Amino acid sequence: PLQREMEDEIPTFIMLRRMLEVAWLGTRRHLEFSQGLGTGF
């Protein structure tokens, strides 16, 4: 099972991950993958 309170917080964890990705891309600008996403991300 998954508690309802945790299901309700799925948007919170989606945004936490998205912010992690902003950080990851910014510190790895040399990668082709990062350059492909660029500032649009």
Full PDB file with SEQRES, HELIX, SHEET, SSBOND, CRYST1, ORIGX, SCALE, CONECT and MASTER records, all heavy atoms in Angstrom:
SEQRES   1 A   41  PRO LEU GLN ARG GLU MET GLU ASP GLU ILE PRO THR PHE          
SEQRES   2 A   41  ILE MET LEU ARG ARG MET LEU GLU VAL ALA TRP LEU GLY          
SEQRES   3 A   41  THR ARG ARG HIS LEU GLU PHE SER GLN GLY LEU GLY THR          
SEQRES   4 A   41  GLY PHE                                                      
HELIX    1 AA1 ARG A    4  ASP A    8  1                                   5    
HELIX    2 AA2 ILE A   10  GLY A   26  1                                  17    
HELIX    3 AA3 GLU A   32  LEU A   37  1                                   6    
HELIX    4 AA4 GLY A   38  GLY A   40  5                                   3    
CRYST1    1.000    1.000    1.000  90.00  90.00  90.00 P 1           1          
ORIGX1      1.000000  0.000000  0.000000        0.00000                         
ORIGX2      0.000000  1.000000  0.000000        0.00000                         
ORIGX3      0.000000  0.000000  1.000000        0.00000                         
SCALE1      1.000000  0.000000  0.000000        0.00000                         
SCALE2      0.000000  1.000000  0.000000        0.00000                         
SCALE3      0.000000  0.000000  1.000000        0.00000                         
ATOM      1  N   PRO A   1       0.818  -1.217   0.000  1.00  0.00           N  
ATOM      2  CA  PRO A   1       0.000   0.000   0.000  1.00  0.00           C  
ATOM      3  C   PRO A   1       0.842   1.253   0.000  1.00  0.00           C  
ATOM      4  O   PRO A   1       2.028   1.232   0.328  1.00  0.00           O  
ATOM      5  CB  PRO A   1      -0.803  -0.130   1.307  1.00  0.00           C  
ATOM      6  CG  PRO A   1       0.075  -0.948   2.199  1.00  0.00           C  
ATOM      7  CD  PRO A   1       0.792  -1.914   1.300  1.00  0.00           C  
ATOM      8  N   LEU A   2       0.202   2.347  -0.381  1.00  0.00           N  
ATOM      9  CA  LEU A   2       0.826   3.658  -0.313  1.00  0.00           C  
ATOM     10  C   LEU A   2      -0.127   4.589   0.424  1.00  0.00           C  
ATOM     11  O   LEU A   2      -1.307   4.708   0.049  1.00  0.00           O  
ATOM     12  CB  LEU A   2       1.111   4.199  -1.719  1.00  0.00           C  
ATOM     13  CG  LEU A   2       1.774   5.574  -1.786  1.00  0.00           C  
ATOM     14  CD1 LEU A   2       3.200   5.504  -1.256  1.00  0.00           C  
ATOM     15  CD2 LEU A   2       1.767   6.107  -3.219  1.00  0.00           C  
ATOM     16  N   GLN A   3       0.386   5.229   1.463  1.00  0.00           N  
ATOM     17  CA  GLN A   3      -0.471   6.102   2.267  1.00  0.00           C  
ATOM     18  C   GLN A   3      -0.994   7.261   1.430  1.00  0.00           C  
ATOM     19  O   GLN A   3      -0.293   7.813   0.599  1.00  0.00           O  
ATOM     20  CB  GLN A   3       0.307   6.639   3.471  1.00  0.00           C  
ATOM     21  CG  GLN A   3       0.819   5.562   4.411  1.00  0.00           C  
ATOM     22  CD  GLN A   3       2.236   5.139   4.060  1.00  0.00           C  
ATOM     23  OE1 GLN A   3       2.663   5.224   2.909  1.00  0.00           O  
ATOM     24  NE2 GLN A   3       2.958   4.675   5.064  1.00  0.00           N  
ATOM     25  N   ARG A   4      -2.236   7.633   1.695  1.00  0.00           N  
ATOM     26  CA  ARG A   4      -2.869   8.720   0.968  1.00  0.00           C  
ATOM     27  C   ARG A   4      -2.094  10.018   1.127  1.00  0.00           C  
ATOM     28  O   ARG A   4      -1.959  10.805   0.176  1.00  0.00           O  
ATOM     29  CB  ARG A   4      -4.313   8.919   1.470  1.00  0.00           C  
ATOM     30  CG  ARG A   4      -5.062  10.029   0.749  1.00  0.00           C  
ATOM     31  CD  ARG A   4      -5.371   9.636  -0.669  1.00  0.00           C  
ATOM     32  NE  ARG A   4      -5.814  10.756  -1.470  1.00  0.00           N  
ATOM     33  CZ  ARG A   4      -6.387  10.650  -2.661  1.00  0.00           C  
ATOM     34  NH1 ARG A   4      -6.580   9.445  -3.185  1.00  0.00           N  
ATOM     35  NH2 ARG A   4      -6.747  11.707  -3.344  1.00  0.00           N  
ATOM     36  N   GLU A   5      -1.549  10.247   2.316  1.00  0.00           N  
ATOM     37  CA  GLU A   5      -0.815  11.505   2.542  1.00  0.00           C  
ATOM     38  C   GLU A   5       0.420  11.599   1.649  1.00  0.00           C  
ATOM     39  O   GLU A   5       0.799  12.695   1.220  1.00  0.00           O  
ATOM     40  CB  GLU A   5      -0.417  11.627   4.012  1.00  0.00           C  
ATOM     41  CG  GLU A   5       0.511  10.536   4.503  1.00  0.00           C  
ATOM     42  CD  GLU A   5       0.827  10.654   5.970  1.00  0.00           C  
ATOM     43  OE1 GLU A   5       1.420  11.678   6.368  1.00  0.00           O  
ATOM     44  OE2 GLU A   5       0.487   9.729   6.728  1.00  0.00           O  
ATOM     45  N   MET A   6       1.034  10.444   1.337  1.00  0.00           N  
ATOM     46  CA  MET A   6       2.185  10.469   0.453  1.00  0.00           C  
ATOM     47  C   MET A   6       1.752  10.621  -1.003  1.00  0.00           C  
ATOM     48  O   MET A   6       2.412  11.313  -1.786  1.00  0.00           O  
ATOM     49  CB  MET A   6       3.028   9.208   0.635  1.00  0.00           C  
ATOM     50  CG  MET A   6       3.651   9.090   2.022  1.00  0.00           C  
ATOM     51  SD  MET A   6       4.561  10.591   2.530  1.00  0.00           S  
ATOM     52  CE  MET A   6       5.882  10.614   1.315  1.00  0.00           C  
ATOM     53  N   GLU A   7       0.653  10.010  -1.381  1.00  0.00           N  
ATOM     54  CA  GLU A   7       0.142  10.201  -2.737  1.00  0.00           C  
ATOM     55  C   GLU A   7      -0.195  11.671  -2.973  1.00  0.00           C  
ATOM     56  O   GLU A   7       0.077  12.207  -4.066  1.00  0.00           O  
ATOM     57  CB  GLU A   7      -1.092   9.333  -2.956  1.00  0.00           C  
ATOM     58  CG  GLU A   7      -1.645   9.439  -4.362  1.00  0.00           C  
ATOM     59  CD  GLU A   7      -2.841   8.548  -4.610  1.00  0.00           C  
ATOM     60  OE1 GLU A   7      -3.073   7.627  -3.808  1.00  0.00           O  
ATOM     61  OE2 GLU A   7      -3.551   8.776  -5.620  1.00  0.00           O  
ATOM     62  N   ASP A   8      -0.740  12.327  -1.969  1.00  0.00           N  
ATOM     63  CA  ASP A   8      -1.094  13.739  -2.113  1.00  0.00           C  
ATOM     64  C   ASP A   8       0.135  14.625  -2.305  1.00  0.00           C  
ATOM     65  O   ASP A   8       0.024  15.737  -2.834  1.00  0.00           O  
ATOM     66  CB  ASP A   8      -1.873  14.209  -0.880  1.00  0.00           C  
ATOM     67  CG  ASP A   8      -3.273  13.613  -0.800  1.00  0.00           C  
ATOM     68  OD1 ASP A   8      -3.758  13.091  -1.823  1.00  0.00           O  
ATOM     69  OD2 ASP A   8      -3.860  13.651   0.292  1.00  0.00           O  
ATOM     70  N   GLU A   9       1.302  14.133  -1.867  1.00  0.00           N  
ATOM     71  CA  GLU A   9       2.526  14.927  -1.975  1.00  0.00           C  
ATOM     72  C   GLU A   9       3.341  14.599  -3.222  1.00  0.00           C  
ATOM     73  O   GLU A   9       4.467  15.101  -3.373  1.00  0.00           O  
ATOM     74  CB  GLU A   9       3.393  14.737  -0.730  1.00  0.00           C  
ATOM     75  CG  GLU A   9       2.823  15.346   0.537  1.00  0.00           C  
ATOM     76  CD  GLU A   9       2.786  16.872   0.508  1.00  0.00           C  
ATOM     77  OE1 GLU A   9       3.407  17.482  -0.401  1.00  0.00           O  
ATOM     78  OE2 GLU A   9       2.136  17.457   1.398  1.00  0.00           O  
ATOM     79  N   ILE A  10       2.806  13.816  -4.126  1.00  0.00           N  
ATOM     80  CA  ILE A  10       3.547  13.499  -5.354  1.00  0.00           C  
ATOM     81  C   ILE A  10       3.998  14.772  -6.080  1.00  0.00           C  
ATOM     82  O   ILE A  10       5.151  14.856  -6.526  1.00  0.00           O  
ATOM     83  CB  ILE A  10       2.716  12.581  -6.271  1.00  0.00           C  
ATOM     84  CG1 ILE A  10       2.667  11.167  -5.670  1.00  0.00           C  
ATOM     85  CG2 ILE A  10       3.299  12.534  -7.684  1.00  0.00           C  
ATOM     86  CD1 ILE A  10       1.730  10.222  -6.396  1.00  0.00           C  
ATOM     87  N   PRO A  11       3.149  15.804  -6.220  1.00  0.00           N  
ATOM     88  CA  PRO A  11       3.627  17.039  -6.869  1.00  0.00           C  
ATOM     89  C   PRO A  11       4.838  17.660  -6.166  1.00  0.00           C  
ATOM     90  O   PRO A  11       5.713  18.242  -6.822  1.00  0.00           O  
ATOM     91  CB  PRO A  11       2.410  17.964  -6.811  1.00  0.00           C  
ATOM     92  CG  PRO A  11       1.237  17.034  -6.743  1.00  0.00           C  
ATOM     93  CD  PRO A  11       1.705  15.888  -5.909  1.00  0.00           C  
ATOM     94  N   THR A  12       4.892  17.534  -4.836  1.00  0.00           N  
ATOM     95  CA  THR A  12       6.034  18.070  -4.094  1.00  0.00           C  
ATOM     96  C   THR A  12       7.318  17.368  -4.512  1.00  0.00           C  
ATOM     97  O   THR A  12       8.357  18.011  -4.746  1.00  0.00           O  
ATOM     98  CB  THR A  12       5.801  17.910  -2.582  1.00  0.00           C  
ATOM     99  OG1 THR A  12       4.678  18.721  -2.200  1.00  0.00           O  
ATOM    100  CG2 THR A  12       7.029  18.322  -1.777  1.00  0.00           C  
ATOM    101  N   PHE A  13       7.258  16.054  -4.636  1.00  0.00           N  
ATOM    102  CA  PHE A  13       8.467  15.314  -4.983  1.00  0.00           C  
ATOM    103  C   PHE A  13       8.820  15.460  -6.461  1.00  0.00           C  
ATOM    104  O   PHE A  13      10.006  15.420  -6.820  1.00  0.00           O  
ATOM    105  CB  PHE A  13       8.311  13.853  -4.570  1.00  0.00           C  
ATOM    106  CG  PHE A  13       8.363  13.692  -3.078  1.00  0.00           C  
ATOM    107  CD1 PHE A  13       7.201  13.648  -2.334  1.00  0.00           C  
ATOM    108  CD2 PHE A  13       9.583  13.675  -2.421  1.00  0.00           C  
ATOM    109  CE1 PHE A  13       7.243  13.549  -0.954  1.00  0.00           C  
ATOM    110  CE2 PHE A  13       9.638  13.582  -1.041  1.00  0.00           C  
ATOM    111  CZ  PHE A  13       8.469  13.520  -0.302  1.00  0.00           C  
ATOM    112  N   ILE A  14       7.826  15.682  -7.299  1.00  0.00           N  
ATOM    113  CA  ILE A  14       8.127  15.986  -8.701  1.00  0.00           C  
ATOM    114  C   ILE A  14       8.914  17.288  -8.793  1.00  0.00           C  
ATOM    115  O   ILE A  14       9.899  17.394  -9.537  1.00  0.00           O  
ATOM    116  CB  ILE A  14       6.829  16.056  -9.528  1.00  0.00           C  
ATOM    117  CG1 ILE A  14       6.241  14.646  -9.694  1.00  0.00           C  
ATOM    118  CG2 ILE A  14       7.085  16.696 -10.894  1.00  0.00           C  
ATOM    119  CD1 ILE A  14       4.896  14.625 -10.395  1.00  0.00           C  
ATOM    120  N   MET A  15       8.524  18.285  -8.019  1.00  0.00           N  
ATOM    121  CA  MET A  15       9.243  19.557  -8.047  1.00  0.00           C  
ATOM    122  C   MET A  15      10.617  19.449  -7.384  1.00  0.00           C  
ATOM    123  O   MET A  15      11.574  20.084  -7.827  1.00  0.00           O  
ATOM    124  CB  MET A  15       8.419  20.661  -7.382  1.00  0.00           C  
ATOM    125  CG  MET A  15       7.169  21.057  -8.155  1.00  0.00           C  
ATOM    126  SD  MET A  15       7.457  21.382  -9.928  1.00  0.00           S  
ATOM    127  CE  MET A  15       8.751  22.615  -9.899  1.00  0.00           C  
ATOM    128  N   LEU A  16      10.719  18.632  -6.332  1.00  0.00           N  
ATOM    129  CA  LEU A  16      12.031  18.415  -5.719  1.00  0.00           C  
ATOM    130  C   LEU A  16      12.986  17.818  -6.744  1.00  0.00           C  
ATOM    131  O   LEU A  16      14.136  18.263  -6.886  1.00  0.00           O  
ATOM    132  CB  LEU A  16      11.891  17.486  -4.513  1.00  0.00           C  
ATOM    133  CG  LEU A  16      13.202  17.104  -3.810  1.00  0.00           C  
ATOM    134  CD1 LEU A  16      13.842  18.325  -3.165  1.00  0.00           C  
ATOM    135  CD2 LEU A  16      12.955  16.007  -2.771  1.00  0.00           C  
ATOM    136  N   ARG A  17      12.523  16.819  -7.486  1.00  0.00           N  
ATOM    137  CA  ARG A  17      13.365  16.201  -8.506  1.00  0.00           C  
ATOM    138  C   ARG A  17      13.707  17.191  -9.615  1.00  0.00           C  
ATOM    139  O   ARG A  17      14.839  17.242 -10.094  1.00  0.00           O  
ATOM    140  CB  ARG A  17      12.650  14.986  -9.095  1.00  0.00           C  
ATOM    141  CG  ARG A  17      13.390  14.325 -10.254  1.00  0.00           C  
ATOM    142  CD  ARG A  17      14.723  13.750  -9.817  1.00  0.00           C  
ATOM    143  NE  ARG A  17      15.383  13.064 -10.927  1.00  0.00           N  
ATOM    144  CZ  ARG A  17      16.453  12.294 -10.803  1.00  0.00           C  
ATOM    145  NH1 ARG A  17      16.996  12.120  -9.620  1.00  0.00           N  
ATOM    146  NH2 ARG A  17      16.979  11.709 -11.856  1.00  0.00           N  
ATOM    147  N   ARG A  18      12.738  17.990 -10.018  1.00  0.00           N  
ATOM    148  CA  ARG A  18      12.990  18.961 -11.083  1.00  0.00           C  
ATOM    149  C   ARG A  18      14.089  19.939 -10.660  1.00  0.00           C  
ATOM    150  O   ARG A  18      14.961  20.305 -11.467  1.00  0.00           O  
ATOM    151  CB  ARG A  18      11.697  19.706 -11.407  1.00  0.00           C  
ATOM    152  CG  ARG A  18      11.828  20.696 -12.551  1.00  0.00           C  
ATOM    153  CD  ARG A  18      11.792  20.042 -13.907  1.00  0.00           C  
ATOM    154  NE  ARG A  18      11.862  21.033 -14.983  1.00  0.00           N  
ATOM    155  CZ  ARG A  18      11.470  20.827 -16.231  1.00  0.00           C  
ATOM    156  NH1 ARG A  18      10.977  19.650 -16.569  1.00  0.00           N  
ATOM    157  NH2 ARG A  18      11.567  21.769 -17.144  1.00  0.00           N  
ATOM    158  N   MET A  19      14.057  20.365  -9.417  1.00  0.00           N  
ATOM    159  CA  MET A  19      15.095  21.279  -8.939  1.00  0.00           C  
ATOM    160  C   MET A  19      16.459  20.594  -8.883  1.00  0.00           C  
ATOM    161  O   MET A  19      17.490  21.211  -9.168  1.00  0.00           O  
ATOM    162  CB  MET A  19      14.708  21.827  -7.569  1.00  0.00           C  
ATOM    163  CG  MET A  19      13.505  22.767  -7.602  1.00  0.00           C  
ATOM    164  SD  MET A  19      13.839  24.258  -8.576  1.00  0.00           S  
ATOM    165  CE  MET A  19      14.981  25.098  -7.483  1.00  0.00           C  
ATOM    166  N   LEU A  20      16.484  19.325  -8.533  1.00  0.00           N  
ATOM    167  CA  LEU A  20      17.717  18.563  -8.586  1.00  0.00           C  
ATOM    168  C   LEU A  20      18.275  18.529 -10.011  1.00  0.00           C  
ATOM    169  O   LEU A  20      19.492  18.625 -10.229  1.00  0.00           O  
ATOM    170  CB  LEU A  20      17.478  17.138  -8.096  1.00  0.00           C  
ATOM    171  CG  LEU A  20      17.722  16.856  -6.613  1.00  0.00           C  
ATOM    172  CD1 LEU A  20      17.067  15.536  -6.211  1.00  0.00           C  
ATOM    173  CD2 LEU A  20      19.208  16.813  -6.316  1.00  0.00           C  
ATOM    174  N   GLU A  21      17.382  18.399 -10.978  1.00  0.00           N  
ATOM    175  CA  GLU A  21      17.803  18.357 -12.378  1.00  0.00           C  
ATOM    176  C   GLU A  21      18.371  19.700 -12.831  1.00  0.00           C  
ATOM    177  O   GLU A  21      19.352  19.742 -13.584  1.00  0.00           O  
ATOM    178  CB  GLU A  21      16.627  17.932 -13.263  1.00  0.00           C  
ATOM    179  CG  GLU A  21      16.224  16.488 -13.053  1.00  0.00           C  
ATOM    180  CD  GLU A  21      14.855  16.160 -13.610  1.00  0.00           C  
ATOM    181  OE1 GLU A  21      14.188  17.054 -14.153  1.00  0.00           O  
ATOM    182  OE2 GLU A  21      14.450  14.992 -13.473  1.00  0.00           O  
ATOM    183  N   VAL A  22      17.767  20.797 -12.373  1.00  0.00           N  
ATOM    184  CA  VAL A  22      18.317  22.119 -12.697  1.00  0.00           C  
ATOM    185  C   VAL A  22      19.750  22.218 -12.181  1.00  0.00           C  
ATOM    186  O   VAL A  22      20.656  22.696 -12.881  1.00  0.00           O  
ATOM    187  CB  VAL A  22      17.441  23.233 -12.083  1.00  0.00           C  
ATOM    188  CG1 VAL A  22      18.129  24.589 -12.193  1.00  0.00           C  
ATOM    189  CG2 VAL A  22      16.072  23.284 -12.774  1.00  0.00           C  
ATOM    190  N   ALA A  23      19.965  21.755 -10.952  1.00  0.00           N  
ATOM    191  CA  ALA A  23      21.313  21.788 -10.379  1.00  0.00           C  
ATOM    192  C   ALA A  23      22.265  20.888 -11.158  1.00  0.00           C  
ATOM    193  O   ALA A  23      23.397  21.277 -11.475  1.00  0.00           O  
ATOM    194  CB  ALA A  23      21.257  21.361  -8.912  1.00  0.00           C  
ATOM    195  N   TRP A  24      21.820  19.685 -11.463  1.00  0.00           N  
ATOM    196  CA  TRP A  24      22.671  18.705 -12.163  1.00  0.00           C  
ATOM    197  C   TRP A  24      23.091  19.226 -13.532  1.00  0.00           C  
ATOM    198  O   TRP A  24      24.264  19.156 -13.901  1.00  0.00           O  
ATOM    199  CB  TRP A  24      21.914  17.391 -12.297  1.00  0.00           C  
ATOM    200  CG  TRP A  24      22.745  16.243 -12.778  1.00  0.00           C  
ATOM    201  CD1 TRP A  24      23.442  15.360 -12.018  1.00  0.00           C  
ATOM    202  CD2 TRP A  24      22.945  15.856 -14.147  1.00  0.00           C  
ATOM    203  NE1 TRP A  24      24.078  14.448 -12.827  1.00  0.00           N  
ATOM    204  CE2 TRP A  24      23.793  14.716 -14.138  1.00  0.00           C  
ATOM    205  CE3 TRP A  24      22.500  16.345 -15.373  1.00  0.00           C  
ATOM    206  CZ2 TRP A  24      24.197  14.077 -15.304  1.00  0.00           C  
ATOM    207  CZ3 TRP A  24      22.905  15.704 -16.544  1.00  0.00           C  
ATOM    208  CH2 TRP A  24      23.735  14.589 -16.492  1.00  0.00           C  
ATOM    209  N   LEU A  25      22.136  19.780 -14.270  1.00  0.00           N  
ATOM    210  CA  LEU A  25      22.456  20.312 -15.599  1.00  0.00           C  
ATOM    211  C   LEU A  25      23.416  21.488 -15.505  1.00  0.00           C  
ATOM    212  O   LEU A  25      24.329  21.636 -16.327  1.00  0.00           O  
ATOM    213  CB  LEU A  25      21.168  20.730 -16.312  1.00  0.00           C  
ATOM    214  CG  LEU A  25      20.205  19.607 -16.699  1.00  0.00           C  
ATOM    215  CD1 LEU A  25      18.878  20.192 -17.166  1.00  0.00           C  
ATOM    216  CD2 LEU A  25      20.796  18.714 -17.781  1.00  0.00           C  
ATOM    217  N   GLY A  26      23.224  22.334 -14.501  1.00  0.00           N  
ATOM    218  CA  GLY A  26      24.070  23.516 -14.373  1.00  0.00           C  
ATOM    219  C   GLY A  26      25.510  23.202 -14.063  1.00  0.00           C  
ATOM    220  O   GLY A  26      26.425  23.911 -14.505  1.00  0.00           O  
ATOM    221  N   THR A  27      25.740  22.145 -13.308  1.00  0.00           N  
ATOM    222  CA  THR A  27      27.116  21.793 -12.944  1.00  0.00           C  
ATOM    223  C   THR A  27      27.737  20.802 -13.924  1.00  0.00           C  
ATOM    224  O   THR A  27      28.894  20.403 -13.729  1.00  0.00           O  
ATOM    225  CB  THR A  27      27.156  21.209 -11.523  1.00  0.00           C  
ATOM    226  OG1 THR A  27      26.241  20.108 -11.429  1.00  0.00           O  
ATOM    227  CG2 THR A  27      26.782  22.267 -10.498  1.00  0.00           C  
ATOM    228  N   ARG A  28      27.003  20.445 -14.950  1.00  0.00           N  
ATOM    229  CA  ARG A  28      27.522  19.508 -15.960  1.00  0.00           C  
ATOM    230  C   ARG A  28      27.259  20.051 -17.365  1.00  0.00           C  
ATOM    231  O   ARG A  28      26.807  19.360 -18.264  1.00  0.00           O  
ATOM    232  CB  ARG A  28      26.898  18.133 -15.764  1.00  0.00           C  
ATOM    233  CG  ARG A  28      27.400  17.461 -14.472  1.00  0.00           C  
ATOM    234  CD  ARG A  28      26.382  16.532 -13.875  1.00  0.00           C  
ATOM    235  NE  ARG A  28      26.850  15.968 -12.615  1.00  0.00           N  
ATOM    236  CZ  ARG A  28      26.698  16.549 -11.426  1.00  0.00           C  
ATOM    237  NH1 ARG A  28      26.118  17.739 -11.342  1.00  0.00           N  
ATOM    238  NH2 ARG A  28      27.134  15.980 -10.325  1.00  0.00           N  
ATOM    239  N   ARG A  29      27.563  21.326 -17.513  1.00  0.00           N  
ATOM    240  CA  ARG A  29      27.303  22.013 -18.779  1.00  0.00           C  
ATOM    241  C   ARG A  29      28.109  21.438 -19.936  1.00  0.00           C  
ATOM    242  O   ARG A  29      27.778  21.661 -21.094  1.00  0.00           O  
ATOM    243  CB  ARG A  29      27.626  23.501 -18.641  1.00  0.00           C  
ATOM    244  CG  ARG A  29      26.769  24.232 -17.631  1.00  0.00           C  
ATOM    245  CD  ARG A  29      27.339  25.605 -17.312  1.00  0.00           C  
ATOM    246  NE  ARG A  29      26.600  26.254 -16.237  1.00  0.00           N  
ATOM    247  CZ  ARG A  29      25.774  27.272 -16.409  1.00  0.00           C  
ATOM    248  NH1 ARG A  29      25.578  27.766 -17.627  1.00  0.00           N  
ATOM    249  NH2 ARG A  29      25.137  27.813 -15.379  1.00  0.00           N  
ATOM    250  N   HIS A  30      29.181  20.731 -19.623  1.00  0.00           N  
ATOM    251  CA  HIS A  30      30.040  20.197 -20.679  1.00  0.00           C  
ATOM    252  C   HIS A  30      29.398  19.020 -21.404  1.00  0.00           C  
ATOM    253  O   HIS A  30      29.823  18.652 -22.497  1.00  0.00           O  
ATOM    254  CB  HIS A  30      31.379  19.750 -20.091  1.00  0.00           C  
ATOM    255  CG  HIS A  30      31.247  18.630 -19.093  1.00  0.00           C  
ATOM    256  ND1 HIS A  30      30.806  18.827 -17.803  1.00  0.00           N  
ATOM    257  CD2 HIS A  30      31.502  17.294 -19.205  1.00  0.00           C  
ATOM    258  CE1 HIS A  30      30.797  17.682 -17.166  1.00  0.00           C  
ATOM    259  NE2 HIS A  30      31.210  16.728 -17.982  1.00  0.00           N  
ATOM    260  N   LEU A  31      28.354  18.418 -20.802  1.00  0.00           N  
ATOM    261  CA  LEU A  31      27.743  17.237 -21.415  1.00  0.00           C  
ATOM    262  C   LEU A  31      26.839  17.644 -22.578  1.00  0.00           C  
ATOM    263  O   LEU A  31      26.110  18.638 -22.506  1.00  0.00           O  
ATOM    264  CB  LEU A  31      26.924  16.460 -20.383  1.00  0.00           C  
ATOM    265  CG  LEU A  31      27.696  15.841 -19.211  1.00  0.00           C  
ATOM    266  CD1 LEU A  31      26.739  15.156 -18.263  1.00  0.00           C  
ATOM    267  CD2 LEU A  31      28.754  14.869 -19.710  1.00  0.00           C  
ATOM    268  N   GLU A  32      26.854  16.851 -23.619  1.00  0.00           N  
ATOM    269  CA  GLU A  32      26.002  17.101 -24.776  1.00  0.00           C  
ATOM    270  C   GLU A  32      24.531  17.098 -24.372  1.00  0.00           C  
ATOM    271  O   GLU A  32      23.728  17.900 -24.860  1.00  0.00           O  
ATOM    272  CB  GLU A  32      26.273  16.041 -25.834  1.00  0.00           C  
ATOM    273  CG  GLU A  32      25.551  16.255 -27.154  1.00  0.00           C  
ATOM    274  CD  GLU A  32      25.918  15.215 -28.190  1.00  0.00           C  
ATOM    275  OE1 GLU A  32      26.992  14.592 -28.065  1.00  0.00           O  
ATOM    276  OE2 GLU A  32      25.123  15.008 -29.119  1.00  0.00           O  
ATOM    277  N   PHE A  33      24.160  16.205 -23.446  1.00  0.00           N  
ATOM    278  CA  PHE A  33      22.775  16.128 -22.970  1.00  0.00           C  
ATOM    279  C   PHE A  33      22.353  17.453 -22.325  1.00  0.00           C  
ATOM    280  O   PHE A  33      21.270  17.984 -22.608  1.00  0.00           O  
ATOM    281  CB  PHE A  33      22.639  14.983 -21.973  1.00  0.00           C  
ATOM    282  CG  PHE A  33      21.264  14.830 -21.389  1.00  0.00           C  
ATOM    283  CD1 PHE A  33      20.258  14.206 -22.105  1.00  0.00           C  
ATOM    284  CD2 PHE A  33      20.976  15.326 -20.119  1.00  0.00           C  
ATOM    285  CE1 PHE A  33      18.982  14.062 -21.559  1.00  0.00           C  
ATOM    286  CE2 PHE A  33      19.715  15.196 -19.579  1.00  0.00           C  
ATOM    287  CZ  PHE A  33      18.714  14.561 -20.300  1.00  0.00           C  
ATOM    288  N   SER A  34      23.203  17.994 -21.473  1.00  0.00           N  
ATOM    289  CA  SER A  34      22.892  19.255 -20.797  1.00  0.00           C  
ATOM    290  C   SER A  34      22.763  20.395 -21.792  1.00  0.00           C  
ATOM    291  O   SER A  34      21.838  21.223 -21.710  1.00  0.00           O  
ATOM    292  CB  SER A  34      23.976  19.584 -19.776  1.00  0.00           C  
ATOM    293  OG  SER A  34      24.107  18.553 -18.819  1.00  0.00           O  
ATOM    294  N   GLN A  35      23.666  20.447 -22.729  1.00  0.00           N  
ATOM    295  CA  GLN A  35      23.637  21.507 -23.728  1.00  0.00           C  
ATOM    296  C   GLN A  35      22.377  21.436 -24.587  1.00  0.00           C  
ATOM    297  O   GLN A  35      21.845  22.470 -25.010  1.00  0.00           O  
ATOM    298  CB  GLN A  35      24.890  21.422 -24.592  1.00  0.00           C  
ATOM    299  CG  GLN A  35      26.172  21.714 -23.833  1.00  0.00           C  
ATOM    300  CD  GLN A  35      27.423  21.286 -24.575  1.00  0.00           C  
ATOM    301  OE1 GLN A  35      27.353  20.865 -25.725  1.00  0.00           O  
ATOM    302  NE2 GLN A  35      28.575  21.389 -23.925  1.00  0.00           N  
ATOM    303  N   GLY A  36      21.883  20.233 -24.810  1.00  0.00           N  
ATOM    304  CA  GLY A  36      20.667  20.076 -25.599  1.00  0.00           C  
ATOM    305  C   GLY A  36      19.438  20.649 -24.914  1.00  0.00           C  
ATOM    306  O   GLY A  36      18.528  21.157 -25.572  1.00  0.00           O  
ATOM    307  N   LEU A  37      19.394  20.571 -23.587  1.00  0.00           N  
ATOM    308  CA  LEU A  37      18.255  21.121 -22.845  1.00  0.00           C  
ATOM    309  C   LEU A  37      18.416  22.621 -22.601  1.00  0.00           C  
ATOM    310  O   LEU A  37      17.460  23.383 -22.726  1.00  0.00           O  
ATOM    311  CB  LEU A  37      18.106  20.376 -21.515  1.00  0.00           C  
ATOM    312  CG  LEU A  37      17.667  18.919 -21.628  1.00  0.00           C  
ATOM    313  CD1 LEU A  37      17.698  18.242 -20.264  1.00  0.00           C  
ATOM    314  CD2 LEU A  37      16.270  18.813 -22.226  1.00  0.00           C  
ATOM    315  N   GLY A  38      19.608  23.022 -22.229  1.00  0.00           N  
ATOM    316  CA  GLY A  38      19.931  24.434 -22.108  1.00  0.00           C  
ATOM    317  C   GLY A  38      19.052  25.209 -21.147  1.00  0.00           C  
ATOM    318  O   GLY A  38      18.435  24.670 -20.223  1.00  0.00           O  
ATOM    319  N   THR A  39      18.968  26.532 -21.390  1.00  0.00           N  
ATOM    320  CA  THR A  39      18.208  27.412 -20.501  1.00  0.00           C  
ATOM    321  C   THR A  39      16.712  27.160 -20.576  1.00  0.00           C  
ATOM    322  O   THR A  39      15.976  27.508 -19.644  1.00  0.00           O  
ATOM    323  CB  THR A  39      18.485  28.879 -20.849  1.00  0.00           C  
ATOM    324  OG1 THR A  39      18.085  29.128 -22.197  1.00  0.00           O  
ATOM    325  CG2 THR A  39      19.959  29.203 -20.690  1.00  0.00           C  
ATOM    326  N   GLY A  40      16.249  26.538 -21.660  1.00  0.00           N  
ATOM    327  CA  GLY A  40      14.826  26.246 -21.779  1.00  0.00           C  
ATOM    328  C   GLY A  40      14.320  25.351 -20.670  1.00  0.00           C  
ATOM    329  O   GLY A  40      13.143  25.430 -20.292  1.00  0.00           O  
ATOM    330  N   PHE A  41      15.200  24.508 -20.141  1.00  0.00           N  
ATOM    331  CA  PHE A  41      14.783  23.621 -19.052  1.00  0.00           C  
ATOM    332  C   PHE A  41      14.455  24.429 -17.804  1.00  0.00           C  
ATOM    333  O   PHE A  41      13.477  24.142 -17.101  1.00  0.00           O  
ATOM    334  CB  PHE A  41      15.880  22.601 -18.754  1.00  0.00           C  
ATOM    335  CG  PHE A  41      15.452  21.522 -17.798  1.00  0.00           C  
ATOM    336  CD1 PHE A  41      14.730  20.438 -18.256  1.00  0.00           C  
ATOM    337  CD2 PHE A  41      15.778  21.595 -16.453  1.00  0.00           C  
ATOM    338  CE1 PHE A  41      14.324  19.436 -17.374  1.00  0.00           C  
ATOM    339  CE2 PHE A  41      15.379  20.605 -15.568  1.00  0.00           C  
ATOM    340  CZ  PHE A  41      14.648  19.521 -16.035  1.00  0.00           C  
TER     341      PHE A  41                                                      
MASTER        0    0    0    4    0    0    0    6  340    1    0    4          
END                                                                             
